Amino acid sequence: MKNKLLPYAFLIAFLMSAGCSKKTHPETTTTTEPAKPVKRPAVKTAVPKVITVNDKVAKRSVDGRYYYDLEGRRYWRNNRNGKYYLFHKSMFDNPDFKAPGN
């Protein structure tokens, strides 16, 4: 009779040990980090080459020329038409951008 119960005892012991093993426990769900917001590149606006500014708002340089700073760019006044042009190295030789009287 002991020989007949022995296989059943092993079967019961095996099932109990298998039921409590880590492999049969459901995995605990780890909290996932929230998705980081996607950074969109800033929209770059076109830089105007010519602007019109009232001379009362413009500043005068040491040598007497008018200039206006807009968004980190400097515009210089053209004495012929009164408009302000984005700085370019060719302005040094152009008499329209010289200070009056110079």
N, C-alpha and C. Protein backbone atom coordinates (compact mmCIF):
# COMPACT_ATOMS: atom_id res chain seq x y z
N MET A 1 0.81 -1.16 0.00
CA MET A 1 0.00 0.00 0.00
C MET A 1 0.88 1.25 0.00
N LYS A 2 2.02 1.17 0.69
CA LYS A 2 2.93 2.30 0.68
C LYS A 2 3.47 2.53 -0.72
N ASN A 3 3.66 1.52 -1.50
CA ASN A 3 4.18 1.65 -2.84
C ASN A 3 3.16 2.33 -3.76
N LYS A 4 1.87 2.16 -3.53
CA LYS A 4 0.85 2.78 -4.37
C LYS A 4 0.71 4.27 -4.05
N LEU A 5 0.94 4.70 -2.79
CA LEU A 5 0.77 6.10 -2.41
C LEU A 5 2.02 6.93 -2.71
N LEU A 6 3.14 6.26 -2.85
CA LEU A 6 4.39 6.96 -3.08
C LEU A 6 4.38 7.78 -4.37
N PRO A 7 3.94 7.28 -5.52
CA PRO A 7 3.90 8.12 -6.73
C PRO A 7 2.94 9.31 -6.58
N TYR A 8 1.81 9.07 -5.87
CA TYR A 8 0.86 10.17 -5.67
C TYR A 8 1.46 11.25 -4.77
N ALA A 9 2.22 10.86 -3.81
CA ALA A 9 2.86 11.82 -2.90
C ALA A 9 3.88 12.67 -3.65
N PHE A 10 4.65 12.03 -4.54
CA PHE A 10 5.60 12.78 -5.35
C PHE A 10 4.87 13.73 -6.30
N LEU A 11 3.77 13.28 -6.86
CA LEU A 11 2.99 14.10 -7.78
C LEU A 11 2.42 15.32 -7.06
N ILE A 12 1.89 15.12 -5.86
CA ILE A 12 1.33 16.22 -5.08
C ILE A 12 2.45 17.18 -4.67
N ALA A 13 3.58 16.68 -4.26
CA ALA A 13 4.71 17.52 -3.86
C ALA A 13 5.23 18.32 -5.06
N PHE A 14 5.28 17.67 -6.21
CA PHE A 14 5.76 18.35 -7.42
C PHE A 14 4.81 19.48 -7.82
N LEU A 15 3.52 19.19 -7.80
CA LEU A 15 2.54 20.21 -8.18
C LEU A 15 2.54 21.39 -7.21
N MET A 16 2.73 21.11 -5.94
CA MET A 16 2.77 22.19 -4.95
C MET A 16 4.02 23.05 -5.12
N SER A 17 5.14 22.40 -5.40
CA SER A 17 6.37 23.17 -5.57
C SER A 17 6.34 23.95 -6.88
N ALA A 18 5.73 23.39 -7.91
CA ALA A 18 5.64 24.08 -9.19
C ALA A 18 4.66 25.23 -9.11
N GLY A 19 3.63 25.11 -8.31
CA GLY A 19 2.63 26.16 -8.18
C GLY A 19 3.16 27.37 -7.44
N CYS A 20 4.16 27.22 -6.63
CA CYS A 20 4.71 28.32 -5.84
C CYS A 20 6.01 28.86 -6.42
N SER A 21 6.44 28.35 -7.53
CA SER A 21 7.71 28.83 -8.08
C SER A 21 7.54 30.21 -8.70
N LYS A 22 8.64 30.89 -8.88
CA LYS A 22 8.60 32.25 -9.43
C LYS A 22 8.17 32.25 -10.89
N LYS A 23 8.37 31.16 -11.56
CA LYS A 23 8.04 31.10 -12.98
C LYS A 23 6.54 31.14 -13.22
N THR A 24 5.76 30.70 -12.26
CA THR A 24 4.32 30.66 -12.48
C THR A 24 3.60 31.88 -11.93
N HIS A 25 4.29 32.71 -11.14
CA HIS A 25 3.67 33.93 -10.64
C HIS A 25 3.57 34.94 -11.78
N PRO A 26 2.50 35.65 -11.85
CA PRO A 26 2.42 36.69 -12.89
C PRO A 26 3.43 37.80 -12.58
N GLU A 27 4.02 38.30 -13.61
CA GLU A 27 5.01 39.35 -13.41
C GLU A 27 4.31 40.62 -12.95
N THR A 28 4.97 41.30 -12.06
CA THR A 28 4.40 42.57 -11.63
C THR A 28 4.63 43.59 -12.74
N THR A 29 3.61 44.33 -13.00
CA THR A 29 3.74 45.32 -14.08
C THR A 29 4.52 46.51 -13.55
N THR A 30 5.57 46.82 -14.24
CA THR A 30 6.37 47.97 -13.86
C THR A 30 5.72 49.20 -14.45
N THR A 31 5.72 50.25 -13.70
CA THR A 31 5.13 51.47 -14.21
C THR A 31 6.05 52.05 -15.26
N THR A 32 5.52 52.25 -16.41
CA THR A 32 6.33 52.81 -17.49
C THR A 32 6.38 54.31 -17.32
N GLU A 33 7.51 54.87 -17.68
CA GLU A 33 7.68 56.31 -17.57
C GLU A 33 6.80 56.99 -18.62
N PRO A 34 6.24 58.12 -18.28
CA PRO A 34 5.42 58.81 -19.27
C PRO A 34 6.29 59.26 -20.43
N ALA A 35 5.72 59.22 -21.59
CA ALA A 35 6.47 59.58 -22.79
C ALA A 35 6.85 61.06 -22.73
N LYS A 36 8.08 61.34 -23.08
CA LYS A 36 8.55 62.72 -23.07
C LYS A 36 7.94 63.45 -24.26
N PRO A 37 7.56 64.69 -24.06
CA PRO A 37 6.97 65.42 -25.18
C PRO A 37 8.01 65.64 -26.27
N VAL A 38 7.56 65.57 -27.47
CA VAL A 38 8.44 65.72 -28.62
C VAL A 38 8.73 67.21 -28.80
N LYS A 39 10.02 67.56 -28.86
CA LYS A 39 10.39 68.95 -29.07
C LYS A 39 10.37 69.23 -30.57
N ARG A 40 9.54 70.18 -30.91
CA ARG A 40 9.47 70.57 -32.32
C ARG A 40 10.43 71.74 -32.53
N PRO A 41 11.12 71.75 -33.64
CA PRO A 41 12.04 72.86 -33.86
C PRO A 41 11.27 74.17 -34.01
N ALA A 42 11.87 75.23 -33.54
CA ALA A 42 11.23 76.53 -33.61
C ALA A 42 11.09 76.95 -35.07
N VAL A 43 10.00 77.60 -35.37
CA VAL A 43 9.76 78.06 -36.73
C VAL A 43 10.64 79.28 -36.97
N LYS A 44 11.43 79.22 -37.98
CA LYS A 44 12.32 80.33 -38.29
C LYS A 44 11.62 81.25 -39.28
N THR A 45 11.52 82.50 -38.89
CA THR A 45 10.91 83.47 -39.78
C THR A 45 11.99 84.06 -40.67
N ALA A 46 11.59 84.47 -41.83
CA ALA A 46 12.53 85.05 -42.77
C ALA A 46 13.00 86.40 -42.25
N VAL A 47 14.27 86.68 -42.46
CA VAL A 47 14.85 87.95 -42.02
C VAL A 47 14.66 88.96 -43.15
N PRO A 48 13.96 90.07 -42.87
CA PRO A 48 13.78 91.06 -43.94
C PRO A 48 15.09 91.78 -44.24
N LYS A 49 15.33 92.05 -45.50
CA LYS A 49 16.54 92.77 -45.91
C LYS A 49 16.37 94.27 -45.75
N VAL A 50 15.12 94.75 -45.91
CA VAL A 50 14.84 96.17 -45.85
C VAL A 50 13.65 96.39 -44.92
N ILE A 51 13.77 97.38 -44.02
CA ILE A 51 12.65 97.73 -43.15
C ILE A 51 12.48 99.25 -43.18
N THR A 52 11.30 99.70 -42.82
CA THR A 52 11.04 101.13 -42.72
C THR A 52 10.80 101.45 -41.26
N VAL A 53 11.57 102.39 -40.74
CA VAL A 53 11.51 102.75 -39.33
C VAL A 53 11.45 104.26 -39.22
N ASN A 54 10.68 104.75 -38.27
CA ASN A 54 10.66 106.17 -38.00
C ASN A 54 12.00 106.56 -37.38
N ASP A 55 12.54 107.70 -37.81
CA ASP A 55 13.85 108.13 -37.31
C ASP A 55 13.82 108.46 -35.82
N LYS A 56 12.65 108.71 -35.26
CA LYS A 56 12.55 109.01 -33.83
C LYS A 56 12.85 107.77 -32.98
N VAL A 57 12.59 106.58 -33.54
CA VAL A 57 12.83 105.35 -32.79
C VAL A 57 14.24 104.82 -33.03
N ALA A 58 14.84 105.22 -34.13
CA ALA A 58 16.19 104.76 -34.45
C ALA A 58 17.20 105.47 -33.55
N LYS A 59 18.36 104.86 -33.45
CA LYS A 59 19.44 105.42 -32.63
C LYS A 59 20.52 105.98 -33.55
N ARG A 60 21.33 106.85 -32.99
CA ARG A 60 22.43 107.42 -33.76
C ARG A 60 23.74 106.83 -33.27
N SER A 61 24.59 106.49 -34.20
CA SER A 61 25.91 105.99 -33.82
C SER A 61 26.82 107.18 -33.50
N VAL A 62 28.03 106.89 -33.10
CA VAL A 62 28.98 107.93 -32.72
C VAL A 62 29.30 108.83 -33.91
N ASP A 63 29.38 108.24 -35.10
CA ASP A 63 29.72 109.03 -36.28
C ASP A 63 28.51 109.70 -36.92
N GLY A 64 27.32 109.57 -36.33
CA GLY A 64 26.15 110.31 -36.80
C GLY A 64 25.20 109.53 -37.69
N ARG A 65 25.47 108.28 -37.96
CA ARG A 65 24.57 107.48 -38.81
C ARG A 65 23.45 106.90 -37.98
N TYR A 66 22.27 106.75 -38.60
CA TYR A 66 21.12 106.14 -37.92
C TYR A 66 21.17 104.62 -38.08
N TYR A 67 20.80 103.92 -37.01
CA TYR A 67 20.69 102.47 -37.07
C TYR A 67 19.53 102.02 -36.20
N TYR A 68 19.07 100.80 -36.47
CA TYR A 68 17.96 100.22 -35.71
C TYR A 68 18.24 98.74 -35.51
N ASP A 69 18.13 98.27 -34.27
CA ASP A 69 18.35 96.85 -33.96
C ASP A 69 17.01 96.14 -33.90
N LEU A 70 16.90 95.06 -34.64
CA LEU A 70 15.66 94.27 -34.68
C LEU A 70 16.02 92.80 -34.57
N GLU A 71 15.58 92.16 -33.47
CA GLU A 71 15.81 90.73 -33.23
C GLU A 71 17.28 90.34 -33.36
N GLY A 72 18.14 91.16 -32.82
CA GLY A 72 19.57 90.84 -32.81
C GLY A 72 20.29 91.16 -34.09
N ARG A 73 19.63 91.85 -35.02
CA ARG A 73 20.26 92.23 -36.28
C ARG A 73 20.25 93.75 -36.38
N ARG A 74 21.29 94.29 -36.96
CA ARG A 74 21.41 95.75 -37.06
C ARG A 74 21.10 96.19 -38.49
N TYR A 75 20.25 97.19 -38.58
CA TYR A 75 19.86 97.79 -39.85
C TYR A 75 20.39 99.22 -39.87
N TRP A 76 20.95 99.64 -41.02
CA TRP A 76 21.51 100.98 -41.16
C TRP A 76 20.66 101.76 -42.15
N ARG A 77 20.54 103.06 -41.89
CA ARG A 77 19.69 103.93 -42.71
C ARG A 77 20.40 104.32 -43.99
N ASN A 78 19.66 104.21 -45.09
CA ASN A 78 20.13 104.68 -46.38
C ASN A 78 19.68 106.13 -46.50
N ASN A 79 20.62 107.05 -46.71
CA ASN A 79 20.29 108.47 -46.75
C ASN A 79 19.57 108.86 -48.03
N ARG A 80 19.63 108.06 -49.06
CA ARG A 80 18.98 108.40 -50.32
C ARG A 80 17.47 108.18 -50.24
N ASN A 81 17.03 107.01 -49.72
CA ASN A 81 15.59 106.72 -49.70
C ASN A 81 15.01 106.63 -48.29
N GLY A 82 15.81 106.72 -47.25
CA GLY A 82 15.30 106.73 -45.88
C GLY A 82 14.95 105.37 -45.31
N LYS A 83 15.16 104.29 -46.05
CA LYS A 83 14.87 102.94 -45.56
C LYS A 83 16.10 102.39 -44.84
N TYR A 84 15.84 101.39 -44.01
CA TYR A 84 16.91 100.76 -43.24
C TYR A 84 17.21 99.40 -43.84
N TYR A 85 18.51 99.17 -44.09
CA TYR A 85 18.95 97.95 -44.74
C TYR A 85 19.77 97.11 -43.77
N LEU A 86 19.61 95.80 -43.89
CA LEU A 86 20.37 94.87 -43.07
C LEU A 86 21.85 95.05 -43.36
N PHE A 87 22.66 95.05 -42.33
CA PHE A 87 24.09 95.33 -42.48
C PHE A 87 24.74 94.36 -43.45
N HIS A 88 25.56 94.93 -44.31
CA HIS A 88 26.37 94.15 -45.23
C HIS A 88 27.69 94.90 -45.39
N LYS A 89 28.77 94.18 -45.61
CA LYS A 89 30.09 94.82 -45.65
C LYS A 89 30.25 95.79 -46.82
N SER A 90 29.40 95.70 -47.84
CA SER A 90 29.48 96.64 -48.96
C SER A 90 29.00 98.03 -48.56
N MET A 91 28.39 98.18 -47.40
CA MET A 91 27.91 99.49 -46.95
C MET A 91 29.07 100.43 -46.63
N PHE A 92 30.24 99.91 -46.34
CA PHE A 92 31.38 100.76 -46.02
C PHE A 92 31.76 101.65 -47.20
N ASP A 93 31.66 101.12 -48.40
CA ASP A 93 32.08 101.86 -49.59
C ASP A 93 30.94 102.65 -50.22
N ASN A 94 29.71 102.41 -49.82
CA ASN A 94 28.55 103.06 -50.43
C ASN A 94 28.33 104.43 -49.79
N PRO A 95 28.33 105.50 -50.57
CA PRO A 95 28.15 106.84 -49.99
C PRO A 95 26.76 107.08 -49.45
N ASP A 96 25.78 106.28 -49.86
CA ASP A 96 24.41 106.45 -49.35
C ASP A 96 24.30 106.09 -47.87
N PHE A 97 25.21 105.31 -47.35
CA PHE A 97 25.17 104.89 -45.96
C PHE A 97 26.14 105.69 -45.07
N LYS A 98 26.84 106.66 -45.65
CA LYS A 98 27.74 107.49 -44.86
C LYS A 98 26.93 108.51 -44.06
N ALA A 99 27.51 108.99 -43.00
CA ALA A 99 26.84 110.00 -42.18
C ALA A 99 26.79 111.31 -42.97
N PRO A 100 25.68 112.04 -42.84
CA PRO A 100 25.61 113.32 -43.55
C PRO A 100 26.72 114.26 -43.06
N GLY A 101 27.37 114.88 -44.01
CA GLY A 101 28.46 115.78 -43.65
C GLY A 101 29.81 115.11 -43.67
N ASN A 102 29.88 113.78 -43.83
CA ASN A 102 31.17 113.09 -43.88
C ASN A 102 31.54 112.74 -45.28
